[in-house]
C-alpha atoms as a PDB file:
ATOM      1  CA  UNK A   1       0.000   0.000   0.000  1.00  0.00           C
ATOM      2  CA  UNK A   2       1.323   3.449  -0.937  1.00  0.00           C
ATOM      3  CA  UNK A   3       1.174   6.306   1.567  1.00  0.00           C
ATOM      4  CA  UNK A   4       0.413   9.815   0.360  1.00  0.00           C
ATOM      5  CA  UNK A   5       0.106  12.733   2.796  1.00  0.00           C
ATOM      6  CA  UNK A   6      -2.703  14.956   1.539  1.00  0.00           C
ATOM      7  CA  UNK A   7      -4.142  17.294   4.148  1.00  0.00           C
ATOM      8  CA  UNK A   8      -0.941  17.632   6.150  1.00  0.00           C
ATOM      9  CA  UNK A   9       1.415  19.185   3.652  1.00  0.00           C
ATOM     10  CA  UNK A  10       4.551  19.286   5.817  1.00  0.00           C
ATOM     11  CA  UNK A  11       4.474  15.596   6.791  1.00  0.00           C
ATOM     12  CA  UNK A  12       6.813  12.822   5.715  1.00  0.00           C
ATOM     13  CA  UNK A  13       6.213   9.058   5.832  1.00  0.00           C
ATOM     14  CA  UNK A  14       9.423   7.275   6.901  1.00  0.00           C
ATOM     15  CA  UNK A  15      10.047   3.511   6.849  1.00  0.00           C
ATOM     16  CA  UNK A  16      12.300   2.815   9.821  1.00  0.00           C
ATOM     17  CA  UNK A  17      15.551   0.917   9.386  1.00  0.00           C
ATOM     18  CA  UNK A  18      15.635  -2.494  11.000  1.00  0.00           C
ATOM     19  CA  UNK A  19      17.523  -2.561  14.307  1.00  0.00           C
ATOM     20  CA  UNK A  20      21.086  -3.792  14.053  1.00  0.00           C
ATOM     21  CA  UNK A  21      21.650  -7.164  15.650  1.00  0.00           C
ATOM     22  CA  UNK A  22      24.783  -7.922  17.604  1.00  0.00           C
ATOM     23  CA  UNK A  23      25.525  -4.323  18.509  1.00  0.00           C
ATOM     24  CA  UNK A  24      26.457  -4.255  22.204  1.00  0.00           C
ATOM     25  CA  UNK A  25      24.415  -1.117  22.786  1.00  0.00           C
ATOM     26  CA  UNK A  26      21.221  -2.649  21.376  1.00  0.00           C
ATOM     27  CA  UNK A  27      21.741  -5.823  23.388  1.00  0.00           C
ATOM     28  CA  UNK A  28      21.605  -4.034  26.734  1.00  0.00           C
ATOM     29  CA  UNK A  29      19.434  -0.966  26.197  1.00  0.00           C
ATOM     30  CA  UNK A  30      16.164  -0.454  24.345  1.00  0.00           C
ATOM     31  CA  UNK A  31      16.919   1.827  21.430  1.00  0.00           C
ATOM     32  CA  UNK A  32      14.404   3.908  19.560  1.00  0.00           C
ATOM     33  CA  UNK A  33      14.888   3.871  15.813  1.00  0.00           C
ATOM     34  CA  UNK A  34      15.426   7.355  14.399  1.00  0.00           C
ATOM     35  CA  UNK A  35      16.839   6.526  10.969  1.00  0.00           C
ATOM     36  CA  UNK A  36      14.771   5.496   7.985  1.00  0.00           C
ATOM     37  CA  UNK A  37      13.958   5.877   4.315  1.00  0.00           C
ATOM     38  CA  UNK A  38      11.442   8.426   3.036  1.00  0.00           C
ATOM     39  CA  UNK A  39       8.445   6.653   1.483  1.00  0.00           C
ATOM     40  CA  UNK A  40       6.309   9.656   0.592  1.00  0.00           C
ATOM     41  CA  UNK A  41       6.160  13.394   1.229  1.00  0.00           C
ATOM     42  CA  UNK A  42       3.547  16.123   1.452  1.00  0.00           C
ATOM     43  CA  UNK A  43       3.317  18.751  -1.311  1.00  0.00           C
ATOM     44  CA  UNK A  44       5.167  21.476   0.646  1.00  0.00           C
ATOM     45  CA  UNK A  45       8.183  19.369   1.689  1.00  0.00           C
ATOM     46  CA  UNK A  46      11.292  20.631  -0.102  1.00  0.00           C
ATOM     47  CA  UNK A  47      14.249  19.340   1.929  1.00  0.00           C
ATOM     48  CA  UNK A  48      14.026  15.622   1.056  1.00  0.00           C
ATOM     49  CA  UNK A  49      12.850  13.360  -1.732  1.00  0.00           C
ATOM     50  CA  UNK A  50      11.319   9.908  -1.784  1.00  0.00           C
ATOM     51  CA  UNK A  51      14.081   7.344  -1.272  1.00  0.00           C
ATOM     52  CA  UNK A  52      16.346   9.559   0.866  1.00  0.00           C
ATOM     53  CA  UNK A  53      17.716   8.093   4.101  1.00  0.00           C
ATOM     54  CA  UNK A  54      17.105  10.513   6.967  1.00  0.00           C
ATOM     55  CA  UNK A  55      17.768  11.046  10.667  1.00  0.00           C
ATOM     56  CA  UNK A  56      14.904  12.583  12.645  1.00  0.00           C
ATOM     57  CA  UNK A  57      13.973  13.685  16.148  1.00  0.00           C
ATOM     58  CA  UNK A  58      12.479  10.745  18.039  1.00  0.00           C
ATOM     59  CA  UNK A  59       9.759  12.593  19.962  1.00  0.00           C
ATOM     60  CA  UNK A  60       7.869  13.966  16.951  1.00  0.00           C
ATOM     61  CA  UNK A  61       6.830  10.738  15.270  1.00  0.00           C
ATOM     62  CA  UNK A  62       3.294   9.451  14.824  1.00  0.00           C
ATOM     63  CA  UNK A  63       2.654   5.719  14.418  1.00  0.00           C
ATOM     64  CA  UNK A  64       0.809   4.328  11.383  1.00  0.00           C
ATOM     65  CA  UNK A  65      -0.872   1.048  10.437  1.00  0.00           C
ATOM     66  CA  UNK A  66       2.605  -0.465   9.996  1.00  0.00           C
ATOM     67  CA  UNK A  67       4.906  -0.606  13.034  1.00  0.00           C
ATOM     68  CA  UNK A  68       7.890   0.128  10.770  1.00  0.00           C
ATOM     69  CA  UNK A  69       6.402   3.302   9.265  1.00  0.00           C
ATOM     70  CA  UNK A  70       6.059   6.626  11.107  1.00  0.00           C
ATOM     71  CA  UNK A  71       4.886  10.096  10.126  1.00  0.00           C
ATOM     72  CA  UNK A  72       7.050  13.089  11.017  1.00  0.00           C
ATOM     73  CA  UNK A  73       7.038  16.814  10.349  1.00  0.00           C
ATOM     74  CA  UNK A  74       9.643  18.251   8.012  1.00  0.00           C
ATOM     75  CA  UNK A  75      11.013  20.425  10.823  1.00  0.00           C
ATOM     76  CA  UNK A  76      11.832  17.235  12.809  1.00  0.00           C
ATOM     77  CA  UNK A  77      14.448  16.198  10.268  1.00  0.00           C
ATOM     78  CA  UNK A  78      17.964  16.396  11.686  1.00  0.00           C
ATOM     79  CA  UNK A  79      19.869  15.279   8.609  1.00  0.00           C
ATOM     80  CA  UNK A  80      19.949  13.391   5.340  1.00  0.00           C
ATOM     81  CA  UNK A  81      22.507  10.693   4.586  1.00  0.00           C
ATOM     82  CA  UNK A  82      24.331  10.954   1.298  1.00  0.00           C
ATOM     83  CA  UNK A  83      25.617   7.896  -0.488  1.00  0.00           C
ATOM     84  CA  UNK A  84      29.309   7.677  -1.318  1.00  0.00           C
ATOM     85  CA  UNK A  85      30.039   7.802  -5.038  1.00  0.00           C
END
């Protein structure tokens, strides 16, 4: 199913990255996932595109029907990862 923000123009649907297994930090502490891939964006979002990998503020996410997809505001973005060429 495709997500498409309509009424909330500054929102971004992000599919969260799977937690890393074997990392000593994740073995001993619950870690909130704050990195993911943009699945869809509202019409006023200009800072990212669909397919970008982003880092966002953890306290501004809204859950969706899928536990691996959250909705965030554009202003909650902290950074965008660039791929090495």
